[in-house]
Structure formats: C-alpha cells, structure tokens
C-alpha cells in the first residue's frame, strides 16, 4: 500500500543514508521501522502485561489476558 507521510528533513536524510548503507529502498526502511515501533507497543511484548497474564493464569485459569487487564485498569485487582 502506498501512503504519504511528512517527516523532518533531517530524519528523511538519515533514513535515506541508512537505506543506502543497507542496500534497501527507503520504503523498506520505513516499513521496518514501523514494524519495530508497532511491535514495541504491542501489549504482548510488555513485560508488565506478560507478568500479569502469568499471574492471572495461576489464580484464575478461565481469566483471559484481556479480562485481567480490564481488572487492573478498573482498579478491581490490586497487585
């Protein structure tokens, strides 16, 4: 999919240089960067959420990770 985004000139130049060093297109640099950014903000990769999920599985096997997160967010489950 093609998209148009605006980035500061310095960031564009750094991405362009990186693409040249890696021998890939700028599109590949931006796609990889976006993938890494999204992965770093995925609750599955969050160590706190992972620990809460582990604890929830020990105490309430029927409690899903999403349900456990709702309990914490609502203040109904303190840890």
N, C-alpha and C. Protein backbone atom coordinates (compact mmCIF):
# COMPACT_ATOMS: atom_id res chain seq x y z
N UNK A 1 0.84 -1.17 0.00
CA UNK A 1 0.00 0.00 0.00
C UNK A 1 0.89 1.23 0.00
N UNK A 2 0.53 2.19 -0.77
CA UNK A 2 1.28 3.44 -0.79
C UNK A 2 0.61 4.43 0.15
N UNK A 3 1.47 5.16 0.87
CA UNK A 3 0.98 6.21 1.77
C UNK A 3 1.90 7.42 1.61
N UNK A 4 1.43 8.55 2.05
CA UNK A 4 2.26 9.75 2.05
C UNK A 4 2.37 10.23 3.49
N UNK A 5 3.59 10.45 3.93
CA UNK A 5 3.82 10.95 5.28
C UNK A 5 4.81 12.10 5.20
N UNK A 6 4.74 12.97 6.18
CA UNK A 6 5.69 14.08 6.28
C UNK A 6 6.64 13.80 7.42
N UNK A 7 7.93 13.94 7.16
CA UNK A 7 8.95 13.77 8.20
C UNK A 7 9.90 14.95 8.10
N UNK A 8 10.55 15.29 9.20
CA UNK A 8 11.54 16.38 9.15
C UNK A 8 12.66 16.03 8.17
N UNK A 9 13.23 17.05 7.55
CA UNK A 9 14.29 16.86 6.56
C UNK A 9 15.44 16.01 7.11
N UNK A 10 15.86 16.30 8.34
CA UNK A 10 16.99 15.57 8.92
C UNK A 10 16.66 14.08 9.06
N UNK A 11 15.44 13.76 9.47
CA UNK A 11 15.03 12.36 9.61
C UNK A 11 15.00 11.67 8.24
N UNK A 12 14.50 12.38 7.25
CA UNK A 12 14.48 11.83 5.89
C UNK A 12 15.90 11.53 5.42
N UNK A 13 16.81 12.46 5.64
CA UNK A 13 18.20 12.27 5.21
C UNK A 13 18.85 11.09 5.91
N UNK A 14 18.58 10.95 7.21
CA UNK A 14 19.14 9.82 7.96
C UNK A 14 18.58 8.50 7.44
N UNK A 15 17.28 8.47 7.15
CA UNK A 15 16.67 7.25 6.62
C UNK A 15 17.22 6.94 5.24
N UNK A 16 17.41 7.97 4.43
CA UNK A 16 17.96 7.79 3.09
C UNK A 16 19.38 7.22 3.15
N UNK A 17 20.19 7.75 4.06
CA UNK A 17 21.56 7.25 4.23
C UNK A 17 21.55 5.79 4.71
N UNK A 18 20.66 5.48 5.64
CA UNK A 18 20.57 4.12 6.14
C UNK A 18 20.17 3.16 5.02
N UNK A 19 19.21 3.57 4.22
CA UNK A 19 18.78 2.72 3.10
C UNK A 19 19.96 2.44 2.18
N UNK A 20 20.77 3.45 1.91
CA UNK A 20 21.95 3.26 1.06
C UNK A 20 22.96 2.30 1.68
N UNK A 21 23.21 2.46 2.98
CA UNK A 21 24.16 1.57 3.66
C UNK A 21 23.67 0.13 3.68
N UNK A 22 22.36 -0.05 3.86
CA UNK A 22 21.80 -1.40 3.94
C UNK A 22 21.53 -2.00 2.56
N UNK A 23 21.52 -1.15 1.54
CA UNK A 23 21.22 -1.62 0.19
C UNK A 23 19.75 -1.98 0.01
N UNK A 24 18.89 -1.23 0.68
CA UNK A 24 17.45 -1.45 0.55
C UNK A 24 16.78 -0.13 0.16
N UNK A 25 15.54 -0.21 -0.20
CA UNK A 25 14.81 1.02 -0.57
C UNK A 25 14.41 1.80 0.68
N UNK A 26 14.12 3.08 0.50
CA UNK A 26 13.61 3.88 1.61
C UNK A 26 12.31 3.28 2.12
N UNK A 27 11.48 2.78 1.21
CA UNK A 27 10.22 2.17 1.63
C UNK A 27 10.46 1.02 2.59
N UNK A 28 11.49 0.22 2.32
CA UNK A 28 11.80 -0.90 3.22
C UNK A 28 12.27 -0.39 4.58
N UNK A 29 13.04 0.68 4.59
CA UNK A 29 13.49 1.25 5.86
C UNK A 29 12.28 1.71 6.68
N UNK A 30 11.37 2.44 6.04
CA UNK A 30 10.20 2.94 6.75
C UNK A 30 9.30 1.80 7.20
N UNK A 31 9.13 0.78 6.37
CA UNK A 31 8.29 -0.35 6.73
C UNK A 31 8.88 -1.10 7.93
N UNK A 32 10.20 -1.31 7.90
CA UNK A 32 10.85 -2.00 9.03
C UNK A 32 10.75 -1.18 10.31
N UNK A 33 10.94 0.12 10.19
CA UNK A 33 10.86 0.99 11.36
C UNK A 33 9.45 0.97 11.95
N UNK A 34 8.45 1.02 11.11
CA UNK A 34 7.07 0.99 11.58
C UNK A 34 6.76 -0.35 12.24
N UNK A 35 7.25 -1.43 11.65
CA UNK A 35 7.04 -2.77 12.23
C UNK A 35 7.66 -2.85 13.63
N UNK A 36 8.88 -2.36 13.78
CA UNK A 36 9.54 -2.38 15.08
C UNK A 36 8.80 -1.50 16.09
N UNK A 37 8.33 -0.35 15.64
CA UNK A 37 7.60 0.56 16.53
C UNK A 37 6.31 -0.09 17.01
N UNK A 38 5.57 -0.69 16.09
CA UNK A 38 4.32 -1.36 16.45
C UNK A 38 4.57 -2.53 17.40
N UNK A 39 5.61 -3.29 17.13
CA UNK A 39 5.94 -4.43 17.99
C UNK A 39 6.29 -3.96 19.41
N UNK A 40 6.98 -2.84 19.51
CA UNK A 40 7.37 -2.34 20.82
C UNK A 40 6.19 -1.81 21.62
N UNK A 41 5.09 -1.53 20.96
CA UNK A 41 3.90 -1.03 21.64
C UNK A 41 2.80 -2.08 21.73
N UNK A 42 3.13 -3.31 21.43
CA UNK A 42 2.18 -4.41 21.50
C UNK A 42 2.12 -4.90 22.94
N UNK A 43 0.92 -4.98 23.52
CA UNK A 43 0.78 -5.44 24.90
C UNK A 43 1.40 -6.81 25.12
N UNK A 44 1.44 -7.63 24.06
CA UNK A 44 2.02 -8.96 24.19
C UNK A 44 3.50 -8.87 24.54
N UNK A 45 4.18 -7.79 24.14
CA UNK A 45 5.61 -7.63 24.39
C UNK A 45 5.91 -6.82 25.64
N UNK A 46 4.88 -6.35 26.31
CA UNK A 46 5.05 -5.55 27.51
C UNK A 46 5.34 -6.47 28.69
N UNK A 47 6.49 -6.32 29.36
CA UNK A 47 6.84 -7.24 30.45
C UNK A 47 5.86 -7.20 31.62
N UNK A 48 5.28 -6.04 31.90
CA UNK A 48 4.31 -5.95 33.00
C UNK A 48 3.05 -6.73 32.64
N UNK A 49 2.56 -6.53 31.43
CA UNK A 49 1.39 -7.27 30.99
C UNK A 49 1.66 -8.76 30.96
N UNK A 50 2.84 -9.15 30.51
CA UNK A 50 3.20 -10.57 30.46
C UNK A 50 3.18 -11.18 31.86
N UNK A 51 3.72 -10.46 32.85
CA UNK A 51 3.72 -10.95 34.22
C UNK A 51 2.31 -11.04 34.77
N UNK A 52 1.49 -10.04 34.50
CA UNK A 52 0.10 -10.08 34.94
C UNK A 52 -0.64 -11.25 34.31
N UNK A 53 -0.38 -11.49 33.04
CA UNK A 53 -1.01 -12.63 32.37
C UNK A 53 -0.59 -13.94 33.02
N UNK A 54 0.68 -14.03 33.37
CA UNK A 54 1.20 -15.24 34.03
C UNK A 54 0.52 -15.44 35.39
N UNK A 55 0.41 -14.38 36.16
CA UNK A 55 -0.25 -14.46 37.46
C UNK A 55 -1.73 -14.80 37.32
N UNK A 56 -2.37 -14.18 36.36
CA UNK A 56 -3.80 -14.45 36.14
C UNK A 56 -4.03 -15.91 35.80
N UNK A 57 -3.14 -16.50 35.04
CA UNK A 57 -3.28 -17.91 34.65
C UNK A 57 -3.14 -18.82 35.87
N UNK A 58 -2.32 -18.42 36.83
CA UNK A 58 -2.13 -19.24 38.03
C UNK A 58 -3.35 -19.22 38.95
N UNK A 59 -3.98 -18.07 39.10
CA UNK A 59 -5.06 -17.92 40.06
C UNK A 59 -6.45 -18.11 39.49
N UNK A 60 -6.61 -17.87 38.23
CA UNK A 60 -7.93 -17.98 37.61
C UNK A 60 -7.75 -18.44 36.17
N UNK A 61 -7.66 -19.75 35.94
CA UNK A 61 -7.41 -20.25 34.58
C UNK A 61 -8.41 -19.77 33.54
N UNK A 62 -9.63 -19.46 33.93
CA UNK A 62 -10.63 -19.03 32.96
C UNK A 62 -10.50 -17.54 32.62
N UNK A 63 -9.64 -16.83 33.33
CA UNK A 63 -9.47 -15.40 33.12
C UNK A 63 -8.54 -15.16 31.94
N UNK A 64 -9.04 -14.51 30.90
CA UNK A 64 -8.22 -14.23 29.72
C UNK A 64 -7.30 -13.06 30.01
N UNK A 65 -6.21 -12.90 29.23
CA UNK A 65 -5.33 -11.75 29.42
C UNK A 65 -6.07 -10.42 29.30
N UNK A 66 -7.00 -10.33 28.36
CA UNK A 66 -7.76 -9.08 28.19
C UNK A 66 -8.61 -8.80 29.42
N UNK A 67 -9.22 -9.84 29.97
CA UNK A 67 -10.05 -9.67 31.17
C UNK A 67 -9.19 -9.25 32.36
N UNK A 68 -7.99 -9.86 32.47
CA UNK A 68 -7.08 -9.49 33.55
C UNK A 68 -6.67 -8.03 33.44
N UNK A 69 -6.40 -7.59 32.22
CA UNK A 69 -6.01 -6.19 32.01
C UNK A 69 -7.15 -5.25 32.42
N UNK A 70 -8.39 -5.64 32.11
CA UNK A 70 -9.55 -4.82 32.48
C UNK A 70 -9.68 -4.73 34.00
N UNK A 71 -9.42 -5.83 34.70
CA UNK A 71 -9.48 -5.80 36.16
C UNK A 71 -8.45 -4.83 36.73
N UNK A 72 -7.24 -4.88 36.21
CA UNK A 72 -6.20 -3.97 36.70
C UNK A 72 -6.55 -2.53 36.38
N UNK A 73 -6.95 -2.28 35.14
CA UNK A 73 -7.28 -0.93 34.70
C UNK A 73 -8.43 -0.34 35.50
N UNK A 74 -9.39 -1.19 35.89
CA UNK A 74 -10.56 -0.70 36.62
C UNK A 74 -10.28 -0.55 38.11
N UNK A 75 -9.14 -1.05 38.57
CA UNK A 75 -8.81 -0.96 40.00
C UNK A 75 -9.41 -2.08 40.82
N UNK A 76 -10.05 -3.05 40.19
CA UNK A 76 -10.67 -4.15 40.92
C UNK A 76 -9.65 -5.21 41.33
N UNK A 77 -8.46 -5.18 40.74
CA UNK A 77 -7.42 -6.18 41.05
C UNK A 77 -6.15 -5.42 41.38
N UNK A 78 -5.77 -5.46 42.62
CA UNK A 78 -4.54 -4.78 43.03
C UNK A 78 -3.43 -5.79 43.17
N UNK A 79 -2.22 -5.36 42.84
CA UNK A 79 -1.06 -6.26 42.92
C UNK A 79 0.11 -5.57 43.53
